Protein backbone atom coordinates (compact mmCIF):
# COMPACT_ATOMS: atom_id res chain seq x y z
CA UNK A 1 25.47 53.71 38.57
CA UNK A 2 24.90 51.66 35.44
CA UNK A 3 24.62 47.94 34.80
CA UNK A 4 25.60 46.36 31.52
CA UNK A 5 24.22 42.93 30.77
CA UNK A 6 25.87 40.86 28.10
CA UNK A 7 24.86 37.51 26.72
CA UNK A 8 21.12 38.04 27.19
CA UNK A 9 20.34 37.04 23.60
CA UNK A 10 22.45 33.88 23.97
CA UNK A 11 20.78 33.08 27.29
CA UNK A 12 17.31 33.41 25.78
CA UNK A 13 18.31 31.22 22.82
CA UNK A 14 19.75 28.61 25.18
CA UNK A 15 16.59 28.55 27.27
CA UNK A 16 14.47 28.12 24.13
CA UNK A 17 16.61 25.13 23.10
CA UNK A 18 16.28 23.67 26.59
CA UNK A 19 12.50 24.07 26.48
CA UNK A 20 12.37 22.39 23.06
CA UNK A 21 14.42 19.44 24.36
CA UNK A 22 12.15 19.04 27.39
CA UNK A 23 9.05 19.24 25.18
CA UNK A 24 10.41 16.50 22.92
CA UNK A 25 11.37 14.44 25.99
CA UNK A 26 7.80 14.73 27.25
CA UNK A 27 6.48 13.21 24.02
CA UNK A 28 9.07 10.43 24.15
CA UNK A 29 8.31 9.63 27.78
CA UNK A 30 4.56 9.70 27.22
CA UNK A 31 4.92 7.22 24.34
CA UNK A 32 6.93 4.83 26.53
CA UNK A 33 4.45 5.19 29.40
CA UNK A 34 1.49 4.56 27.09
CA UNK A 35 3.07 1.39 25.71
CA UNK A 36 3.80 0.18 29.24
CA UNK A 37 0.11 0.56 30.07
CA UNK A 38 -0.85 -1.27 26.87
CA UNK A 39 1.42 -4.20 27.82
CA UNK A 40 0.00 -4.35 31.35
CA UNK A 41 -3.62 -4.29 30.15
CA UNK A 42 -2.89 -7.07 27.67
CA UNK A 43 -1.12 -9.09 30.38
CA UNK A 44 -4.19 -8.82 32.62
CA UNK A 45 -6.37 -10.00 29.72
CA UNK A 46 -4.19 -13.12 29.44
CA UNK A 47 -4.47 -14.41 33.02
CA UNK A 48 -7.47 -16.73 32.60
CA UNK A 49 -8.92 -18.39 29.53
CA UNK A 50 -11.90 -20.46 28.53
CA UNK A 51 -13.33 -21.85 25.32
CA UNK A 52 -16.19 -20.13 23.51
CA UNK A 53 -19.51 -21.29 24.98
CA UNK A 54 -18.02 -22.37 28.32
CA UNK A 55 -18.69 -20.46 31.53
CA UNK A 56 -16.25 -17.67 32.16
CA UNK A 57 -13.08 -18.48 34.04
CA UNK A 58 -12.81 -15.08 35.69
CA UNK A 59 -14.59 -14.00 38.83
CA UNK A 60 -16.54 -10.74 39.02
CA UNK A 61 -14.01 -8.03 39.81
CA UNK A 62 -11.20 -9.85 37.97
CA UNK A 63 -10.15 -9.10 34.40
CA UNK A 64 -12.22 -10.85 31.72
CA UNK A 65 -11.05 -14.30 30.68
CA UNK A 66 -9.43 -14.67 27.27
CA UNK A 67 -11.81 -16.34 24.80
CA UNK A 68 -11.16 -15.22 21.20
CA UNK A 69 -8.41 -12.71 21.94
CA UNK A 70 -10.37 -9.91 20.22
CA UNK A 71 -10.56 -7.76 23.35
CA UNK A 72 -6.84 -8.12 24.04
CA UNK A 73 -5.90 -7.43 20.41
CA UNK A 74 -8.11 -4.35 20.36
CA UNK A 75 -6.09 -2.63 23.11
CA UNK A 76 -4.08 0.02 21.30
CA UNK A 77 -2.02 3.12 21.87
CA UNK A 78 -3.04 6.23 19.99
CA UNK A 79 -0.32 8.88 20.09
CA UNK A 80 1.50 10.49 21.57
CA UNK A 81 0.63 13.60 19.63
CA UNK A 82 1.41 17.21 20.34
CA UNK A 83 -1.68 19.19 21.20
CA UNK A 84 0.19 22.45 20.79
CA UNK A 85 2.60 24.28 23.01
CA UNK A 86 3.93 21.91 25.62
CA UNK A 87 0.78 19.76 25.78
CA UNK A 88 0.93 16.11 24.73
CA UNK A 89 -1.84 13.53 24.45
CA UNK A 90 -1.96 9.75 24.22
CA UNK A 91 -4.79 7.31 24.71
CA UNK A 92 -4.62 3.64 25.55
CA UNK A 93 -7.59 1.35 25.45
CA UNK A 94 -9.69 -1.24 23.70
CA UNK A 95 -11.78 -0.62 20.61
CA UNK A 96 -14.16 -3.60 20.50
CA UNK A 97 -17.79 -2.74 21.15
CA UNK A 98 -18.11 -4.88 24.32
CA UNK A 99 -15.00 -3.51 26.03
CA UNK A 100 -16.83 -0.94 28.15
CA UNK A 101 -19.37 -3.35 29.60
CA UNK A 102 -16.58 -5.75 30.52
CA UNK A 103 -14.76 -2.96 32.39
CA UNK A 104 -17.78 -1.42 34.11
CA UNK A 105 -20.45 -4.13 34.06
CA UNK A 106 -24.06 -3.49 33.13
CA UNK A 107 -27.14 -4.73 31.37
CA UNK A 108 -26.69 -6.13 27.85
CA UNK A 109 -30.41 -6.48 27.20
CA UNK A 110 -30.03 -10.25 27.61
CA UNK A 111 -28.11 -10.45 30.86
CA UNK A 112 -26.57 -8.32 33.54
CA UNK A 113 -22.79 -8.63 33.56
CA UNK A 114 -20.70 -7.88 36.62
CA UNK A 115 -17.78 -5.51 36.24
CA UNK A 116 -14.55 -7.20 35.22
CA UNK A 117 -12.17 -4.23 35.29
CA UNK A 118 -8.90 -4.50 33.43
CA UNK A 119 -7.98 -0.96 32.30
CA UNK A 120 -8.37 0.77 35.67
CA UNK A 121 -6.39 -1.79 37.68
CA UNK A 122 -3.61 -1.89 35.07
CA UNK A 123 -3.39 1.91 35.14
CA UNK A 124 -3.15 2.03 38.93
CA UNK A 125 -0.46 -0.64 38.93
CA UNK A 126 1.44 1.13 36.13
CA UNK A 127 1.50 4.62 37.66
CA UNK A 128 4.74 4.29 39.68
CA UNK A 129 6.66 2.96 36.68
CA UNK A 130 5.08 5.57 34.40
CA UNK A 131 6.31 8.28 36.78
CA UNK A 132 9.83 6.84 36.60
CA UNK A 133 9.64 6.72 32.80
CA UNK A 134 8.72 10.41 32.69
CA UNK A 135 11.44 11.39 35.18
CA UNK A 136 14.04 9.52 33.10
CA UNK A 137 12.81 11.17 29.89
CA UNK A 138 13.04 14.63 31.43
CA UNK A 139 16.52 13.92 32.81
CA UNK A 140 17.59 12.82 29.32
CA UNK A 141 16.07 16.03 27.91
CA UNK A 142 18.31 18.10 30.17
CA UNK A 143 21.48 16.71 28.55
CA UNK A 144 23.29 19.25 26.41
């Protein structure tokens, strides 16, 4: 008994194209998900405001109040970038020096600040929509 397989080369080429489309779709989806998180962080940093020198308008545990807008403006998306193979990376977060102590709280050397998290809560709230973004990207990557 013998078996003859035909079309193996074409099948392998087709699977390689499919993998390339899915890899590109992953980068596209990750970019959309990262920008969603950026928007949600910035929205949380816009809830309360107060003038410079006035007591803060946000309670411990709530996102920091908007004063100058520097913290909100510093929230940026970096990526997405391919890390090789089918691995993609993106980062979303603030860049101003005081961003970490606002998120986590701590001692400044002059005062002890309570945590006023804004990245973590925005990420948790964004996760379901981020999952839907990725599913839609991968479905689009399956199209021939």
